[in-house]
Amino acid sequence: MGGCCPARERLHPLGFLTSPWLRCPPVILVTLWKGPGLLIGVFLAGLQSIPLSSIESGRPVAAKAGGGHTDITLRLCRPYYTW
Protein backbone atom coordinates (compact mmCIF):
# COMPACT_ATOMS: atom_id res chain seq x y z
CA MET A 1 0.00 0.00 0.00
CA GLY A 2 2.36 2.81 1.08
CA GLY A 3 6.03 1.90 0.62
CA CYS A 4 8.93 3.24 2.57
CA CYS A 5 8.54 6.72 1.10
CA PRO A 6 4.93 7.70 0.29
CA ALA A 7 5.96 11.19 -0.90
CA ARG A 8 8.00 9.68 -3.72
CA GLU A 9 4.90 8.09 -5.20
CA ARG A 10 3.32 11.53 -5.66
CA LEU A 11 6.27 13.10 -7.49
CA HIS A 12 6.00 13.55 -11.24
CA PRO A 13 8.96 14.15 -13.56
CA LEU A 14 9.43 17.76 -14.63
CA GLY A 15 9.00 18.34 -18.34
CA PHE A 16 12.18 20.31 -18.95
CA LEU A 17 14.34 17.72 -17.17
CA THR A 18 13.24 14.77 -19.30
CA SER A 19 14.48 16.06 -22.66
CA PRO A 20 18.20 16.68 -23.31
CA TRP A 21 17.35 19.68 -25.52
CA LEU A 22 15.28 21.33 -22.81
CA ARG A 23 17.76 20.48 -20.06
CA CYS A 24 20.68 22.55 -21.42
CA PRO A 25 19.27 26.12 -21.45
CA PRO A 26 18.53 26.29 -17.69
CA VAL A 27 22.00 24.91 -16.91
CA ILE A 28 23.60 27.48 -19.22
CA LEU A 29 21.58 30.31 -17.67
CA VAL A 30 22.54 29.34 -14.13
CA THR A 31 26.20 29.10 -15.13
CA LEU A 32 26.11 32.52 -16.78
CA TRP A 33 24.32 34.01 -13.78
CA LYS A 34 26.82 32.59 -11.29
CA GLY A 35 30.06 33.50 -13.10
CA PRO A 36 29.95 37.32 -13.20
CA GLY A 37 28.79 37.51 -9.59
CA LEU A 38 31.92 35.79 -8.38
CA LEU A 39 34.19 38.01 -10.48
CA ILE A 40 32.44 41.17 -9.34
CA GLY A 41 32.79 40.08 -5.72
CA VAL A 42 36.52 39.43 -6.13
CA PHE A 43 37.05 42.77 -7.89
CA LEU A 44 35.15 44.69 -5.19
CA ALA A 45 37.23 42.99 -2.51
CA GLY A 46 40.34 44.11 -4.40
CA LEU A 47 39.07 47.69 -4.53
CA GLN A 48 38.46 47.68 -0.79
CA SER A 49 41.95 46.37 -0.11
CA ILE A 50 43.63 49.41 -1.72
CA PRO A 51 44.87 51.74 1.00
CA LEU A 52 43.51 55.26 0.79
CA SER A 53 46.99 56.70 1.34
CA SER A 54 48.27 55.23 -1.93
CA ILE A 55 45.34 56.71 -3.85
CA GLU A 56 45.86 60.12 -2.24
CA SER A 57 49.60 60.08 -2.87
CA GLY A 58 49.04 59.35 -6.55
CA ARG A 59 46.51 62.10 -7.14
CA PRO A 60 49.01 64.84 -8.12
CA VAL A 61 50.76 62.51 -10.56
CA ALA A 62 47.49 61.38 -12.08
CA ALA A 63 46.21 64.95 -12.31
CA LYS A 64 49.22 65.99 -14.35
CA ALA A 65 48.82 63.07 -16.70
CA GLY A 66 45.08 63.68 -17.05
CA GLY A 67 44.27 60.03 -16.36
CA GLY A 68 42.53 60.46 -13.03
CA HIS A 69 43.00 57.81 -10.37
CA THR A 70 42.20 54.90 -12.70
CA ASP A 71 45.89 54.34 -13.46
CA ILE A 72 46.69 53.81 -9.80
CA THR A 73 43.54 51.86 -9.01
CA LEU A 74 43.87 49.47 -11.93
CA ARG A 75 47.55 48.83 -11.22
CA LEU A 76 46.85 48.00 -7.59
CA CYS A 77 43.91 45.75 -8.55
CA ARG A 78 45.96 43.77 -11.08
CA PRO A 79 46.37 40.72 -8.80
CA TYR A 80 42.61 40.49 -8.48
CA TYR A 81 41.63 40.70 -12.14
CA THR A 82 44.43 38.42 -13.32
CA TRP A 83 43.38 35.77 -10.82
PDB file of N, CA and C in Angstrom:
ATOM      1  N   MET A   1       0.816  -1.169   0.000  1.00  0.00           N
ATOM      2  CA  MET A   1       0.000   0.000   0.000  1.00  0.00           C
ATOM      3  C   MET A   1       0.872   1.251   0.000  1.00  0.00           C
ATOM      4  N   GLY A   2       1.475   1.643   1.078  1.00  0.00           N
ATOM      5  CA  GLY A   2       2.356   2.806   1.079  1.00  0.00           C
ATOM      6  C   GLY A   2       3.778   2.316   1.241  1.00  0.00           C
ATOM      7  N   GLY A   3       4.681   2.427   0.463  1.00  0.00           N
ATOM      8  CA  GLY A   3       6.031   1.901   0.618  1.00  0.00           C
ATOM      9  C   GLY A   3       6.799   2.620   1.706  1.00  0.00           C
ATOM     10  N   CYS A   4       8.078   2.596   1.569  1.00  0.00           N
ATOM     11  CA  CYS A   4       8.933   3.239   2.572  1.00  0.00           C
ATOM     12  C   CYS A   4       8.883   4.761   2.464  1.00  0.00           C
ATOM     13  N   CYS A   5       8.549   5.272   1.306  1.00  0.00           N
ATOM     14  CA  CYS A   5       8.539   6.720   1.103  1.00  0.00           C
ATOM     15  C   CYS A   5       7.280   7.104   0.322  1.00  0.00           C
ATOM     16  N   PRO A   6       6.179   7.402   1.000  1.00  0.00           N
ATOM     17  CA  PRO A   6       4.935   7.696   0.287  1.00  0.00           C
ATOM     18  C   PRO A   6       5.004   9.003  -0.513  1.00  0.00           C
ATOM     19  N   ALA A   7       5.875   9.939  -0.144  1.00  0.00           N
ATOM     20  CA  ALA A   7       5.964  11.194  -0.895  1.00  0.00           C
ATOM     21  C   ALA A   7       6.549  10.963  -2.282  1.00  0.00           C
ATOM     22  N   ARG A   8       7.383   9.958  -2.426  1.00  0.00           N
ATOM     23  CA  ARG A   8       8.001   9.685  -3.720  1.00  0.00           C
ATOM     24  C   ARG A   8       6.966   9.211  -4.738  1.00  0.00           C
ATOM     25  N   GLU A   9       5.921   8.573  -4.283  1.00  0.00           N
ATOM     26  CA  GLU A   9       4.896   8.087  -5.196  1.00  0.00           C
ATOM     27  C   GLU A   9       4.106   9.242  -5.813  1.00  0.00           C
ATOM     28  N   ARG A  10       4.069  10.394  -5.147  1.00  0.00           N
ATOM     29  CA  ARG A  10       3.318  11.534  -5.655  1.00  0.00           C
ATOM     30  C   ARG A  10       4.137  12.431  -6.573  1.00  0.00           C
ATOM     31  N   LEU A  11       5.430  12.238  -6.657  1.00  0.00           N
ATOM     32  CA  LEU A  11       6.268  13.095  -7.490  1.00  0.00           C
ATOM     33  C   LEU A  11       6.120  12.729  -8.961  1.00  0.00           C
ATOM     34  N   HIS A  12       6.078  13.736  -9.795  1.00  0.00           N
ATOM     35  CA  HIS A  12       6.001  13.547 -11.235  1.00  0.00           C
ATOM     36  C   HIS A  12       7.240  14.166 -11.866  1.00  0.00           C
ATOM     37  N   PRO A  13       7.758  13.570 -12.930  1.00  0.00           N
ATOM     38  CA  PRO A  13       8.955  14.150 -13.557  1.00  0.00           C
ATOM     39  C   PRO A  13       8.642  15.516 -14.164  1.00  0.00           C
ATOM     40  N   LEU A  14       9.589  16.426 -14.051  1.00  0.00           N
ATOM     41  CA  LEU A  14       9.429  17.758 -14.632  1.00  0.00           C
ATOM     42  C   LEU A  14       9.684  17.685 -16.127  1.00  0.00           C
ATOM     43  N   GLY A  15       8.915  18.419 -16.894  1.00  0.00           N
ATOM     44  CA  GLY A  15       8.995  18.336 -18.345  1.00  0.00           C
ATOM     45  C   GLY A  15      10.337  18.762 -18.915  1.00  0.00           C
ATOM     46  N   PHE A  16      10.935  19.833 -18.357  1.00  0.00           N
ATOM     47  CA  PHE A  16      12.180  20.310 -18.950  1.00  0.00           C
ATOM     48  C   PHE A  16      13.391  19.477 -18.536  1.00  0.00           C
ATOM     49  N   LEU A  17      13.223  18.573 -17.562  1.00  0.00           N
ATOM     50  CA  LEU A  17      14.341  17.716 -17.172  1.00  0.00           C
ATOM     51  C   LEU A  17      14.348  16.376 -17.906  1.00  0.00           C
ATOM     52  N   THR A  18      13.303  16.073 -18.626  1.00  0.00           N
ATOM     53  CA  THR A  18      13.242  14.774 -19.300  1.00  0.00           C
ATOM     54  C   THR A  18      13.875  14.798 -20.679  1.00  0.00           C
ATOM     55  N   SER A  19      13.923  15.956 -21.317  1.00  0.00           N
ATOM     56  CA  SER A  19      14.480  16.057 -22.663  1.00  0.00           C
ATOM     57  C   SER A  19      15.877  16.674 -22.607  1.00  0.00           C
ATOM     58  N   PRO A  20      16.852  16.082 -23.311  1.00  0.00           N
ATOM     59  CA  PRO A  20      18.198  16.682 -23.305  1.00  0.00           C
ATOM     60  C   PRO A  20      18.235  18.080 -23.920  1.00  0.00           C
ATOM     61  N   TRP A  21      17.363  18.368 -24.887  1.00  0.00           N
ATOM     62  CA  TRP A  21      17.355  19.682 -25.517  1.00  0.00           C
ATOM     63  C   TRP A  21      16.773  20.745 -24.600  1.00  0.00           C
ATOM     64  N   LEU A  22      15.870  20.360 -23.740  1.00  0.00           N
ATOM     65  CA  LEU A  22      15.281  21.327 -22.813  1.00  0.00           C
ATOM     66  C   LEU A  22      16.071  21.423 -21.508  1.00  0.00           C
ATOM     67  N   ARG A  23      16.977  20.497 -21.288  1.00  0.00           N
ATOM     68  CA  ARG A  23      17.763  20.484 -20.064  1.00  0.00           C
ATOM     69  C   ARG A  23      18.936  21.462 -20.132  1.00  0.00           C
ATOM     70  N   CYS A  24      19.483  21.715 -21.287  1.00  0.00           N
ATOM     71  CA  CYS A  24      20.685  22.546 -21.424  1.00  0.00           C
ATOM     72  C   CYS A  24      20.452  24.043 -21.162  1.00  0.00           C
ATOM     73  N   PRO A  25      19.415  24.678 -21.685  1.00  0.00           N
ATOM     74  CA  PRO A  25      19.270  26.123 -21.454  1.00  0.00           C
ATOM     75  C   PRO A  25      19.211  26.544 -19.990  1.00  0.00           C
ATOM     76  N   PRO A  26      18.488  25.857 -19.097  1.00  0.00           N
ATOM     77  CA  PRO A  26      18.530  26.291 -17.691  1.00  0.00           C
ATOM     78  C   PRO A  26      19.920  26.142 -17.068  1.00  0.00           C
ATOM     79  N   VAL A  27      20.645  25.099 -17.445  1.00  0.00           N
ATOM     80  CA  VAL A  27      21.995  24.914 -16.913  1.00  0.00           C
ATOM     81  C   VAL A  27      22.911  26.026 -17.411  1.00  0.00           C
ATOM     82  N   ILE A  28      22.784  26.400 -18.661  1.00  0.00           N
ATOM     83  CA  ILE A  28      23.596  27.478 -19.221  1.00  0.00           C
ATOM     84  C   ILE A  28      23.258  28.806 -18.543  1.00  0.00           C
ATOM     85  N   LEU A  29      21.982  29.072 -18.330  1.00  0.00           N
ATOM     86  CA  LEU A  29      21.578  30.313 -17.674  1.00  0.00           C
ATOM     87  C   LEU A  29      22.099  30.408 -16.251  1.00  0.00           C
ATOM     88  N   VAL A  30      22.033  29.323 -15.510  1.00  0.00           N
ATOM     89  CA  VAL A  30      22.537  29.337 -14.132  1.00  0.00           C
ATOM     90  C   VAL A  30      24.049  29.546 -14.123  1.00  0.00           C
ATOM     91  N   THR A  31      24.752  28.927 -15.050  1.00  0.00           N
ATOM     92  CA  THR A  31      26.200  29.099 -15.128  1.00  0.00           C
ATOM     93  C   THR A  31      26.560  30.536 -15.476  1.00  0.00           C
ATOM     94  N   LEU A  32      25.845  31.127 -16.421  1.00  0.00           N
ATOM     95  CA  LEU A  32      26.112  32.517 -16.782  1.00  0.00           C
ATOM     96  C   LEU A  32      25.740  33.483 -15.663  1.00  0.00           C
ATOM     97  N   TRP A  33      24.740  33.155 -14.880  1.00  0.00           N
ATOM     98  CA  TRP A  33      24.320  34.012 -13.779  1.00  0.00           C
ATOM     99  C   TRP A  33      25.327  33.959 -12.642  1.00  0.00           C
ATOM    100  N   LYS A  34      25.909  32.785 -12.410  1.00  0.00           N
ATOM    101  CA  LYS A  34      26.822  32.586 -11.288  1.00  0.00           C
ATOM    102  C   LYS A  34      28.204  33.178 -11.560  1.00  0.00           C
ATOM    103  N   GLY A  35      28.697  33.092 -12.773  1.00  0.00           N
ATOM    104  CA  GLY A  35      30.062  33.500 -13.097  1.00  0.00           C
ATOM    105  C   GLY A  35      30.377  34.962 -12.846  1.00  0.00           C
ATOM    106  N   PRO A  36      29.632  35.907 -13.414  1.00  0.00           N
ATOM    107  CA  PRO A  36      29.953  37.319 -13.198  1.00  0.00           C
ATOM    108  C   PRO A  36      29.834  37.753 -11.743  1.00  0.00           C
ATOM    109  N   GLY A  37      28.933  37.141 -11.004  1.00  0.00           N
ATOM    110  CA  GLY A  37      28.791  37.506  -9.592  1.00  0.00           C
ATOM    111  C   GLY A  37      30.049  37.225  -8.794  1.00  0.00           C
ATOM    112  N   LEU A  38      30.680  36.115  -9.059  1.00  0.00           N
ATOM    113  CA  LEU A  38      31.924  35.787  -8.378  1.00  0.00           C
ATOM    114  C   LEU A  38      33.022  36.763  -8.759  1.00  0.00           C
ATOM    115  N   LEU A  39      33.141  37.081 -10.037  1.00  0.00           N
ATOM    116  CA  LEU A  39      34.186  38.006 -10.482  1.00  0.00           C
ATOM    117  C   LEU A  39      33.967  39.412  -9.932  1.00  0.00           C
ATOM    118  N   ILE A  40      32.729  39.855  -9.889  1.00  0.00           N
ATOM    119  CA  ILE A  40      32.437  41.174  -9.339  1.00  0.00           C
ATOM    120  C   ILE A  40      32.772  41.212  -7.850  1.00  0.00           C
ATOM    121  N   GLY A  41      32.458  40.142  -7.138  1.00  0.00           N
ATOM    122  CA  GLY A  41      32.793  40.080  -5.719  1.00  0.00           C
ATOM    123  C   GLY A  41      34.287  40.129  -5.469  1.00  0.00           C
ATOM    124  N   VAL A  42      35.063  39.419  -6.273  1.00  0.00           N
ATOM    125  CA  VAL A  42      36.522  39.432  -6.125  1.00  0.00           C
ATOM    126  C   VAL A  42      37.070  40.818  -6.458  1.00  0.00           C
ATOM    127  N   PHE A  43      36.563  41.443  -7.508  1.00  0.00           N
ATOM    128  CA  PHE A  43      37.046  42.768  -7.893  1.00  0.00           C
ATOM    129  C   PHE A  43      36.703  43.813  -6.831  1.00  0.00           C
ATOM    130  N   LEU A  44      35.509  43.746  -6.244  1.00  0.00           N
ATOM    131  CA  LEU A  44      35.146  44.692  -5.188  1.00  0.00           C
ATOM    132  C   LEU A  44      35.993  44.492  -3.941  1.00  0.00           C
ATOM    133  N   ALA A  45      36.331  43.243  -3.636  1.00  0.00           N
ATOM    134  CA  ALA A  45      37.229  42.991  -2.510  1.00  0.00           C
ATOM    135  C   ALA A  45      38.606  43.576  -2.787  1.00  0.00           C
ATOM    136  N   GLY A  46      39.064  43.502  -4.038  1.00  0.00           N
ATOM    137  CA  GLY A  46      40.336  44.112  -4.398  1.00  0.00           C
ATOM    138  C   GLY A  46      40.305  45.619  -4.277  1.00  0.00           C
ATOM    139  N   LEU A  47      39.194  46.240  -4.667  1.00  0.00           N
ATOM    140  CA  LEU A  47      39.072  47.693  -4.530  1.00  0.00           C
ATOM    141  C   LEU A  47      39.093  48.120  -3.069  1.00  0.00           C
ATOM    142  N   GLN A  48      38.476  47.337  -2.211  1.00  0.00           N
ATOM    143  CA  GLN A  48      38.460  47.679  -0.792  1.00  0.00           C
ATOM    144  C   GLN A  48      39.808  47.465  -0.128  1.00  0.00           C
ATOM    145  N   SER A  49      40.659  46.632  -0.724  1.00  0.00           N
ATOM    146  CA  SER A  49      41.953  46.369  -0.105  1.00  0.00           C
ATOM    147  C   SER A  49      42.994  47.426  -0.454  1.00  0.00           C
ATOM    148  N   ILE A  50      42.690  48.348  -1.368  1.00  0.00           N
ATOM    149  CA  ILE A  50      43.633  49.407  -1.725  1.00  0.00           C
ATOM    150  C   ILE A  50      43.641  50.440  -0.608  1.00  0.00           C
ATOM    151  N   PRO A  51      44.815  50.723  -0.049  1.00  0.00           N
ATOM    152  CA  PRO A  51      44.868  51.738   1.003  1.00  0.00           C
ATOM    153  C   PRO A  51      44.578  53.134   0.451  1.00  0.00           C
ATOM    154  N   LEU A  52      43.870  53.913   1.214  1.00  0.00           N
ATOM    155  CA  LEU A  52      43.508  55.259   0.793  1.00  0.00           C
ATOM    156  C   LEU A  52      44.737  56.139   0.638  1.00  0.00           C
ATOM    157  N   SER A  53      45.778  55.874   1.419  1.00  0.00           N
ATOM    158  CA  SER A  53      46.988  56.701   1.341  1.00  0.00           C
ATOM    159  C   SER A  53      47.669  56.574  -0.024  1.00  0.00           C
ATOM    160  N   SER A  54      47.635  55.383  -0.620  1.00  0.00           N
ATOM    161  CA  SER A  54      48.271  55.235  -1.929  1.00  0.00           C
ATOM    162  C   SER A  54      47.465  55.927  -3.018  1.00  0.00           C
ATOM    163  N   ILE A  55      46.164  55.983  -2.877  1.00  0.00           N
ATOM    164  CA  ILE A  55      45.343  56.708  -3.850  1.00  0.00           C
ATOM    165  C   ILE A  55      45.572  58.211  -3.705  1.00  0.00           C
ATOM    166  N   GLU A  56      45.639  58.694  -2.455  1.00  0.00           N
ATOM    167  CA  GLU A  56      45.857  60.121  -2.238  1.00  0.00           C
ATOM    168  C   GLU A  56      47.252  60.552  -2.673  1.00  0.00           C
ATOM    169  N   SER A  57      48.248  59.694  -2.476  1.00  0.00           N
ATOM    170  CA  SER A  57      49.598  60.079  -2.875  1.00  0.00           C
ATOM    171  C   SER A  57      49.758  60.091  -4.390  1.00  0.00           C
ATOM    172  N   GLY A  58      48.947  59.373  -5.098  1.00  0.00           N
ATOM    173  CA  GLY A  58      49.038  59.349  -6.552  1.00  0.00           C
ATOM    174  C   GLY A  58      48.186  60.374  -7.246  1.00  0.00           C
ATOM    175  N   ARG A  59      47.377  61.111  -6.514  1.00  0.00           N
ATOM    176  CA  ARG A  59      46.505  62.102  -7.143  1.00  0.00           C
ATOM    177  C   ARG A  59      47.259  63.192  -7.892  1.00  0.00           C
ATOM    178  N   PRO A  60      48.314  63.789  -7.343  1.00  0.00           N
ATOM    179  CA  PRO A  60      49.006  64.836  -8.118  1.00  0.00           C
ATOM    180  C   PRO A  60      49.626  64.297  -9.406  1.00  0.00           C
ATOM    181  N   VAL A  61      50.153  63.097  -9.366  1.00  0.00           N
ATOM    182  CA  VAL A  61      50.761  62.509 -10.558  1.00  0.00           C
ATOM    183  C   VAL A  61      49.682  62.221 -11.605  1.00  0.00           C
ATOM    184  N   ALA A  62      48.571  61.698 -11.154  1.00  0.00           N
ATOM    185  CA  ALA A  62      47.486  61.375 -12.084  1.00  0.00           C
ATOM    186  C   ALA A  62      46.839  62.637 -12.629  1.00  0.00           C
ATOM    187  N   ALA A  63      46.813  63.698 -11.825  1.00  0.00           N
ATOM    188  CA  ALA A  63      46.207  64.951 -12.306  1.00  0.00           C
ATOM    189  C   ALA A  63      47.044  65.573 -13.407  1.00  0.00           C
ATOM    190  N   LYS A  64      48.362  65.445 -13.302  1.00  0.00           N
ATOM    191  CA  LYS A  64      49.224  65.990 -14.349  1.00  0.00           C
ATOM    192  C   LYS A  64      49.077  65.203 -15.644  1.00  0.00           C
ATOM    193  N   ALA A  65      48.931  63.907 -15.508  1.00  0.00           N
ATOM    194  CA  ALA A  65      48.822  63.069 -16.703  1.00  0.00           C
ATOM    195  C   ALA A  65      47.427  63.129 -17.316  1.00  0.00           C
ATOM    196  N   GLY A  66      46.440  63.579 -16.535  1.00  0.00           N
ATOM    197  CA  GLY A  66      45.081  63.675 -17.048  1.00  0.00           C
ATOM    198  C   GLY A  66      44.339  62.353 -17.024  1.00  0.00           C
ATOM    199  N   GLY A  67      44.900  61.342 -16.371  1.00  0.00           N
ATOM    200  CA  GLY A  67      44.273  60.032 -16.358  1.00  0.00           C
ATOM    201  C   GLY A  67      43.371  59.775 -15.170  1.00  0.00           C
ATOM    202  N   GLY A  68      43.325  60.697 -14.219  1.00  0.00           N
ATOM    203  CA  GLY A  68      42.533  60.461 -13.029  1.00  0.00           C
ATOM    204  C   GLY A  68      43.173  59.400 -12.157  1.00  0.00           C
ATOM    205  N   HIS A  69      42.424  58.824 -11.270  1.00  0.00           N
ATOM    206  CA  HIS A  69      42.996  57.812 -10.373  1.00  0.00           C
ATOM    207  C   HIS A  69      42.856  56.394 -10.928  1.00  0.00           C
ATOM    208  N   THR A  70      42.377  56.250 -12.154  1.00  0.00           N
ATOM    209  CA  THR A  70      42.203  54.900 -12.701  1.00  0.00           C
ATOM    210  C   THR A  70      43.535  54.200 -12.931  1.00  0.00           C
ATOM    211  N   ASP A  71      44.585  54.964 -13.262  1.00  0.00           N
ATOM    212  CA  ASP A  71      45.894  54.337 -13.460  1.00  0.00           C
ATOM    213  C   ASP A  71      46.373  53.665 -12.180  1.00  0.00           C
ATOM    214  N   ILE A  72      46.229  54.350 -11.078  1.00  0.00           N
ATOM    215  CA  ILE A  72      46.694  53.809  -9.800  1.00  0.00           C
ATOM    216  C   ILE A  72      45.790  52.666  -9.353  1.00  0.00           C
ATOM    217  N   THR A  73      44.496  52.877  -9.468  1.00  0.00           N
ATOM    218  CA  THR A  73      43.544  51.862  -9.006  1.00  0.00           C
ATOM    219  C   THR A  73      43.677  50.570  -9.801  1.00  0.00           C
ATOM    220  N   LEU A  74      43.770  50.679 -11.113  1.00  0.00           N
ATOM    221  CA  LEU A  74      43.871  49.466 -11.926  1.00  0.00           C
ATOM    222  C   LEU A  74      45.196  48.744 -11.706  1.00  0.00           C
ATOM    223  N   ARG A  75      46.272  49.487 -11.491  1.00  0.00           N
ATOM    224  CA  ARG A  75      47.553  48.827 -11.225  1.00  0.00           C
ATOM    225  C   ARG A  75      47.546  48.097  -9.900  1.00  0.00           C
ATOM    226  N   LEU A  76      46.902  48.666  -8.886  1.00  0.00           N
ATOM    227  CA  LEU A  76      46.855  48.003  -7.589  1.00  0.00           C
ATOM    228  C   LEU A  76      45.854  46.854  -7.555  1.00  0.00           C
ATOM    229  N   CYS A  77      44.892  46.847  -8.474  1.00  0.00           N
ATOM    230  CA  CYS A  77      43.912  45.754  -8.550  1.00  0.00           C
ATOM    231  C   CYS A  77      44.350  44.640  -9.491  1.00  0.00           C
ATOM    232  N   ARG A  78      45.508  44.771 -10.110  1.00  0.00           N
ATOM    233  CA  ARG A  78      45.961  43.774 -11.077  1.00  0.00           C
ATOM    234  C   ARG A  78      45.976  42.345 -10.524  1.00  0.00           C
ATOM    235  N   PRO A  79      46.405  42.112  -9.284  1.00  0.00           N
ATOM    236  CA  PRO A  79      46.371  40.717  -8.797  1.00  0.00           C
ATOM    237  C   PRO A  79      44.964  40.137  -8.716  1.00  0.00           C
ATOM    238  N   TYR A  80      43.971  40.988  -8.608  1.00  0.00           N
ATOM    239  CA  TYR A  80      42.608  40.485  -8.478  1.00  0.00           C
ATOM    240  C   TYR A  80      41.960  40.198  -9.822  1.00  0.00           C
ATOM    241  N   TYR A  81      42.251  40.998 -10.842  1.00  0.00           N
ATOM    242  CA  TYR A  81      41.628  40.697 -12.136  1.00  0.00           C
ATOM    243  C   TYR A  81      42.476  39.801 -13.021  1.00  0.00           C
ATOM    244  N   THR A  82      43.669  39.435 -12.595  1.00  0.00           N
ATOM    245  CA  THR A  82      44.429  38.416 -13.320  1.00  0.00           C
ATOM    246  C   THR A  82      44.343  37.068 -12.638  1.00  0.00           C
ATOM    247  N   TRP A  83      43.546  36.986 -11.600  1.00  0.00           N
ATOM    248  CA  TRP A  83      43.385  35.771 -10.815  1.00  0.00           C
ATOM    249  C   TRP A  83      42.753  34.710 -11.609  1.00  0.00           C
TER     250      TRP A  83
END
